[in-house]
Amino acid sequence: MIKEKGGFGVEALVQRLKIIYSDNFKLDRFTEGDIYIAHLKINLLEHKAKMLAAR
């Protein structure tokens, strides 16, 4: 698998994820031939704990 650089839409998505989930997510993007693969992991437990602590 070869990691690919995305366009403006991907960068906008990453910025929105950072705003909402801070550093509690990981987004990997790859291509296999002509297939684009995006793998998104969000640590919702950590995000929830930070949101509750901020109250």
PDB file of N, CA and C in Angstrom:
ATOM      1  N   MET A   1       0.831  -1.184   0.000  1.00  0.00           N
ATOM      2  CA  MET A   1       0.000   0.000   0.000  1.00  0.00           C
ATOM      3  C   MET A   1       0.875   1.246   0.000  1.00  0.00           C
ATOM      4  N   ILE A   2       0.472   2.222  -0.771  1.00  0.00           N
ATOM      5  CA  ILE A   2       1.213   3.473  -0.866  1.00  0.00           C
ATOM      6  C   ILE A   2       0.361   4.583  -0.272  1.00  0.00           C
ATOM      7  N   LYS A   3       0.941   5.339   0.669  1.00  0.00           N
ATOM      8  CA  LYS A   3       0.211   6.445   1.278  1.00  0.00           C
ATOM      9  C   LYS A   3       0.098   7.581   0.270  1.00  0.00           C
ATOM     10  N   GLU A   4      -1.082   8.133   0.144  1.00  0.00           N
ATOM     11  CA  GLU A   4      -1.340   9.189  -0.817  1.00  0.00           C
ATOM     12  C   GLU A   4      -1.644  10.492  -0.102  1.00  0.00           C
ATOM     13  N   LYS A   5      -1.294  11.602  -0.737  1.00  0.00           N
ATOM     14  CA  LYS A   5      -1.640  12.920  -0.230  1.00  0.00           C
ATOM     15  C   LYS A   5      -2.995  13.288  -0.799  1.00  0.00           C
ATOM     16  N   GLY A   6      -3.891  13.715   0.070  1.00  0.00           N
ATOM     17  CA  GLY A   6      -5.230  14.075  -0.364  1.00  0.00           C
ATOM     18  C   GLY A   6      -5.317  15.524  -0.794  1.00  0.00           C
ATOM     19  N   GLY A   7      -6.473  15.901  -1.252  1.00  0.00           N
ATOM     20  CA  GLY A   7      -6.698  17.270  -1.694  1.00  0.00           C
ATOM     21  C   GLY A   7      -7.306  18.119  -0.591  1.00  0.00           C
ATOM     22  N   PHE A   8      -7.910  19.211  -0.993  1.00  0.00           N
ATOM     23  CA  PHE A   8      -8.498  20.170  -0.055  1.00  0.00           C
ATOM     24  C   PHE A   8      -9.589  19.538   0.801  1.00  0.00           C
ATOM     25  N   GLY A   9     -10.396  18.666   0.221  1.00  0.00           N
ATOM     26  CA  GLY A   9     -11.483  18.030   0.969  1.00  0.00           C
ATOM     27  C   GLY A   9     -10.978  17.194   2.123  1.00  0.00           C
ATOM     28  N   VAL A  10      -9.895  16.473   1.906  1.00  0.00           N
ATOM     29  CA  VAL A  10      -9.310  15.642   2.955  1.00  0.00           C
ATOM     30  C   VAL A  10      -8.747  16.529   4.058  1.00  0.00           C
ATOM     31  N   GLU A  11      -8.071  17.609   3.685  1.00  0.00           N
ATOM     32  CA  GLU A  11      -7.508  18.520   4.684  1.00  0.00           C
ATOM     33  C   GLU A  11      -8.616  19.178   5.505  1.00  0.00           C
ATOM     34  N   ALA A  12      -9.712  19.536   4.876  1.00  0.00           N
ATOM     35  CA  ALA A  12     -10.851  20.114   5.595  1.00  0.00           C
ATOM     36  C   ALA A  12     -11.436  19.092   6.570  1.00  0.00           C
ATOM     37  N   LEU A  13     -11.524  17.842   6.150  1.00  0.00           N
ATOM     38  CA  LEU A  13     -12.010  16.782   7.024  1.00  0.00           C
ATOM     39  C   LEU A  13     -11.109  16.633   8.243  1.00  0.00           C
ATOM     40  N   VAL A  14      -9.788  16.611   8.019  1.00  0.00           N
ATOM     41  CA  VAL A  14      -8.843  16.470   9.125  1.00  0.00           C
ATOM     42  C   VAL A  14      -8.966  17.645  10.088  1.00  0.00           C
ATOM     43  N   GLN A  15      -9.117  18.859   9.575  1.00  0.00           N
ATOM     44  CA  GLN A  15      -9.283  20.031  10.437  1.00  0.00           C
ATOM     45  C   GLN A  15     -10.544  19.908  11.284  1.00  0.00           C
ATOM     46  N   ARG A  16     -11.630  19.447  10.699  1.00  0.00           N
ATOM     47  CA  ARG A  16     -12.878  19.279  11.456  1.00  0.00           C
ATOM     48  C   ARG A  16     -12.744  18.201  12.524  1.00  0.00           C
ATOM     49  N   LEU A  17     -12.078  17.106  12.179  1.00  0.00           N
ATOM     50  CA  LEU A  17     -11.854  16.047  13.168  1.00  0.00           C
ATOM     51  C   LEU A  17     -11.023  16.566  14.337  1.00  0.00           C
ATOM     52  N   LYS A  18     -10.003  17.390  14.044  1.00  0.00           N
ATOM     53  CA  LYS A  18      -9.174  17.965  15.103  1.00  0.00           C
ATOM     54  C   LYS A  18      -9.980  18.883  16.000  1.00  0.00           C
ATOM     55  N   ILE A  19     -10.877  19.668  15.413  1.00  0.00           N
ATOM     56  CA  ILE A  19     -11.715  20.573  16.202  1.00  0.00           C
ATOM     57  C   ILE A  19     -12.617  19.778  17.133  1.00  0.00           C
ATOM     58  N   ILE A  20     -13.212  18.721  16.625  1.00  0.00           N
ATOM     59  CA  ILE A  20     -14.179  17.946  17.414  1.00  0.00           C
ATOM     60  C   ILE A  20     -13.493  16.986  18.370  1.00  0.00           C
ATOM     61  N   TYR A  21     -12.500  16.229  17.889  1.00  0.00           N
ATOM     62  CA  TYR A  21     -11.926  15.133  18.673  1.00  0.00           C
ATOM     63  C   TYR A  21     -10.509  15.384  19.160  1.00  0.00           C
ATOM     64  N   SER A  22      -9.966  16.583  18.924  1.00  0.00           N
ATOM     65  CA  SER A  22      -8.613  16.924  19.353  1.00  0.00           C
ATOM     66  C   SER A  22      -7.636  15.876  18.827  1.00  0.00           C
ATOM     67  N   ASP A  23      -6.920  15.211  19.712  1.00  0.00           N
ATOM     68  CA  ASP A  23      -5.965  14.184  19.264  1.00  0.00           C
ATOM     69  C   ASP A  23      -6.477  12.778  19.534  1.00  0.00           C
ATOM     70  N   ASN A  24      -7.790  12.624  19.646  1.00  0.00           N
ATOM     71  CA  ASN A  24      -8.403  11.331  19.953  1.00  0.00           C
ATOM     72  C   ASN A  24      -8.859  10.583  18.704  1.00  0.00           C
ATOM     73  N   PHE A  25      -8.216  10.826  17.584  1.00  0.00           N
ATOM     74  CA  PHE A  25      -8.563  10.122  16.363  1.00  0.00           C
ATOM     75  C   PHE A  25      -7.303   9.857  15.553  1.00  0.00           C
ATOM     76  N   LYS A  26      -7.423   8.910  14.641  1.00  0.00           N
ATOM     77  CA  LYS A  26      -6.345   8.617  13.696  1.00  0.00           C
ATOM     78  C   LYS A  26      -6.990   8.326  12.346  1.00  0.00           C
ATOM     79  N   LEU A  27      -6.524   9.019  11.319  1.00  0.00           N
ATOM     80  CA  LEU A  27      -7.033   8.835   9.968  1.00  0.00           C
ATOM     81  C   LEU A  27      -5.882   8.410   9.072  1.00  0.00           C
ATOM     82  N   ASP A  28      -5.981   7.233   8.499  1.00  0.00           N
ATOM     83  CA  ASP A  28      -4.996   6.727   7.553  1.00  0.00           C
ATOM     84  C   ASP A  28      -5.653   6.636   6.187  1.00  0.00           C
ATOM     85  N   ARG A  29      -4.916   7.058   5.153  1.00  0.00           N
ATOM     86  CA  ARG A  29      -5.439   7.021   3.779  1.00  0.00           C
ATOM     87  C   ARG A  29      -4.432   6.292   2.904  1.00  0.00           C
ATOM     88  N   PHE A  30      -4.949   5.394   2.093  1.00  0.00           N
ATOM     89  CA  PHE A  30      -4.097   4.591   1.213  1.00  0.00           C
ATOM     90  C   PHE A  30      -4.806   4.367  -0.111  1.00  0.00           C
ATOM     91  N   THR A  31      -4.027   3.971  -1.098  1.00  0.00           N
ATOM     92  CA  THR A  31      -4.615   3.500  -2.347  1.00  0.00           C
ATOM     93  C   THR A  31      -4.050   2.122  -2.651  1.00  0.00           C
ATOM     94  N   GLU A  32      -4.889   1.291  -3.204  1.00  0.00           N
ATOM     95  CA  GLU A  32      -4.503  -0.026  -3.719  1.00  0.00           C
ATOM     96  C   GLU A  32      -4.966  -0.065  -5.162  1.00  0.00           C
ATOM     97  N   GLY A  33      -4.041   0.132  -6.054  1.00  0.00           N
ATOM     98  CA  GLY A  33      -4.427   0.222  -7.463  1.00  0.00           C
ATOM     99  C   GLY A  33      -5.275   1.455  -7.665  1.00  0.00           C
ATOM    100  N   ASP A  34      -6.513   1.264  -8.113  1.00  0.00           N
ATOM    101  CA  ASP A  34      -7.405   2.405  -8.320  1.00  0.00           C
ATOM    102  C   ASP A  34      -8.453   2.511  -7.210  1.00  0.00           C
ATOM    103  N   ILE A  35      -8.205   1.863  -6.068  1.00  0.00           N
ATOM    104  CA  ILE A  35      -9.135   1.898  -4.940  1.00  0.00           C
ATOM    105  C   ILE A  35      -8.556   2.774  -3.833  1.00  0.00           C
ATOM    106  N   TYR A  36      -9.340   3.736  -3.374  1.00  0.00           N
ATOM    107  CA  TYR A  36      -8.957   4.633  -2.284  1.00  0.00           C
ATOM    108  C   TYR A  36      -9.494   4.054  -0.986  1.00  0.00           C
ATOM    109  N   ILE A  37      -8.640   3.946   0.035  1.00  0.00           N
ATOM    110  CA  ILE A  37      -9.039   3.371   1.314  1.00  0.00           C
ATOM    111  C   ILE A  37      -8.781   4.396   2.414  1.00  0.00           C
ATOM    112  N   ALA A  38      -9.778   4.669   3.232  1.00  0.00           N
ATOM    113  CA  ALA A  38      -9.643   5.554   4.384  1.00  0.00           C
ATOM    114  C   ALA A  38     -10.010   4.757   5.622  1.00  0.00           C
ATOM    115  N   HIS A  39      -9.144   4.811   6.623  1.00  0.00           N
ATOM    116  CA  HIS A  39      -9.366   4.087   7.876  1.00  0.00           C
ATOM    117  C   HIS A  39      -9.380   5.113   8.994  1.00  0.00           C
ATOM    118  N   LEU A  40     -10.535   5.288   9.661  1.00  0.00           N
ATOM    119  CA  LEU A  40     -10.708   6.279  10.721  1.00  0.00           C
ATOM    120  C   LEU A  40     -10.958   5.574  12.041  1.00  0.00           C
ATOM    121  N   LYS A  41     -10.133   5.888  13.038  1.00  0.00           N
ATOM    122  CA  LYS A  41     -10.332   5.371  14.391  1.00  0.00           C
ATOM    123  C   LYS A  41     -10.538   6.559  15.313  1.00  0.00           C
ATOM    124  N   ILE A  42     -11.616   6.520  16.107  1.00  0.00           N
ATOM    125  CA  ILE A  42     -11.904   7.583  17.070  1.00  0.00           C
ATOM    126  C   ILE A  42     -11.986   6.948  18.447  1.00  0.00           C
ATOM    127  N   ASN A  43     -11.185   7.463  19.383  1.00  0.00           N
ATOM    128  CA  ASN A  43     -11.218   6.976  20.757  1.00  0.00           C
ATOM    129  C   ASN A  43     -12.334   7.736  21.485  1.00  0.00           C
ATOM    130  N   LEU A  44     -13.541   7.196  21.444  1.00  0.00           N
ATOM    131  CA  LEU A  44     -14.698   7.878  22.023  1.00  0.00           C
ATOM    132  C   LEU A  44     -14.650   7.900  23.548  1.00  0.00           C
ATOM    133  N   LEU A  45     -14.051   6.892  24.171  1.00  0.00           N
ATOM    134  CA  LEU A  45     -13.955   6.888  25.634  1.00  0.00           C
ATOM    135  C   LEU A  45     -13.079   8.036  26.120  1.00  0.00           C
ATOM    136  N   GLU A  46     -11.951   8.236  25.483  1.00  0.00           N
ATOM    137  CA  GLU A  46     -11.046   9.329  25.858  1.00  0.00           C
ATOM    138  C   GLU A  46     -11.702  10.674  25.568  1.00  0.00           C
ATOM    139  N   HIS A  47     -12.374  10.785  24.429  1.00  0.00           N
ATOM    140  CA  HIS A  47     -13.067  12.027  24.065  1.00  0.00           C
ATOM    141  C   HIS A  47     -14.146  12.347  25.096  1.00  0.00           C
ATOM    142  N   LYS A  48     -14.929  11.359  25.479  1.00  0.00           N
ATOM    143  CA  LYS A  48     -15.993  11.563  26.471  1.00  0.00           C
ATOM    144  C   LYS A  48     -15.411  11.982  27.809  1.00  0.00           C
ATOM    145  N   ALA A  49     -14.326  11.373  28.237  1.00  0.00           N
ATOM    146  CA  ALA A  49     -13.696  11.710  29.513  1.00  0.00           C
ATOM    147  C   ALA A  49     -13.223  13.161  29.496  1.00  0.00           C
ATOM    148  N   LYS A  50     -12.638  13.615  28.395  1.00  0.00           N
ATOM    149  CA  LYS A  50     -12.185  14.997  28.295  1.00  0.00           C
ATOM    150  C   LYS A  50     -13.358  15.977  28.278  1.00  0.00           C
ATOM    151  N   MET A  51     -14.443  15.583  27.612  1.00  0.00           N
ATOM    152  CA  MET A  51     -15.624  16.457  27.572  1.00  0.00           C
ATOM    153  C   MET A  51     -16.238  16.582  28.965  1.00  0.00           C
ATOM    154  N   LEU A  52     -16.312  15.486  29.709  1.00  0.00           N
ATOM    155  CA  LEU A  52     -16.873  15.534  31.062  1.00  0.00           C
ATOM    156  C   LEU A  52     -15.973  16.327  32.004  1.00  0.00           C
ATOM    157  N   ALA A  53     -14.668  16.221  31.832  1.00  0.00           N
ATOM    158  CA  ALA A  53     -13.728  16.952  32.680  1.00  0.00           C
ATOM    159  C   ALA A  53     -13.774  18.461  32.406  1.00  0.00           C
ATOM    160  N   ALA A  54     -14.164  18.835  31.198  1.00  0.00           N
ATOM    161  CA  ALA A  54     -14.212  20.252  30.826  1.00  0.00           C
ATOM    162  C   ALA A  54     -15.440  20.954  31.379  1.00  0.00           C
ATOM    163  N   ARG A  55     -16.399  20.219  31.884  1.00  0.00           N
ATOM    164  CA  ARG A  55     -17.635  20.841  32.411  1.00  0.00           C
ATOM    165  C   ARG A  55     -17.379  21.644  33.627  1.00  0.00           C
TER     166      ARG A  55
END
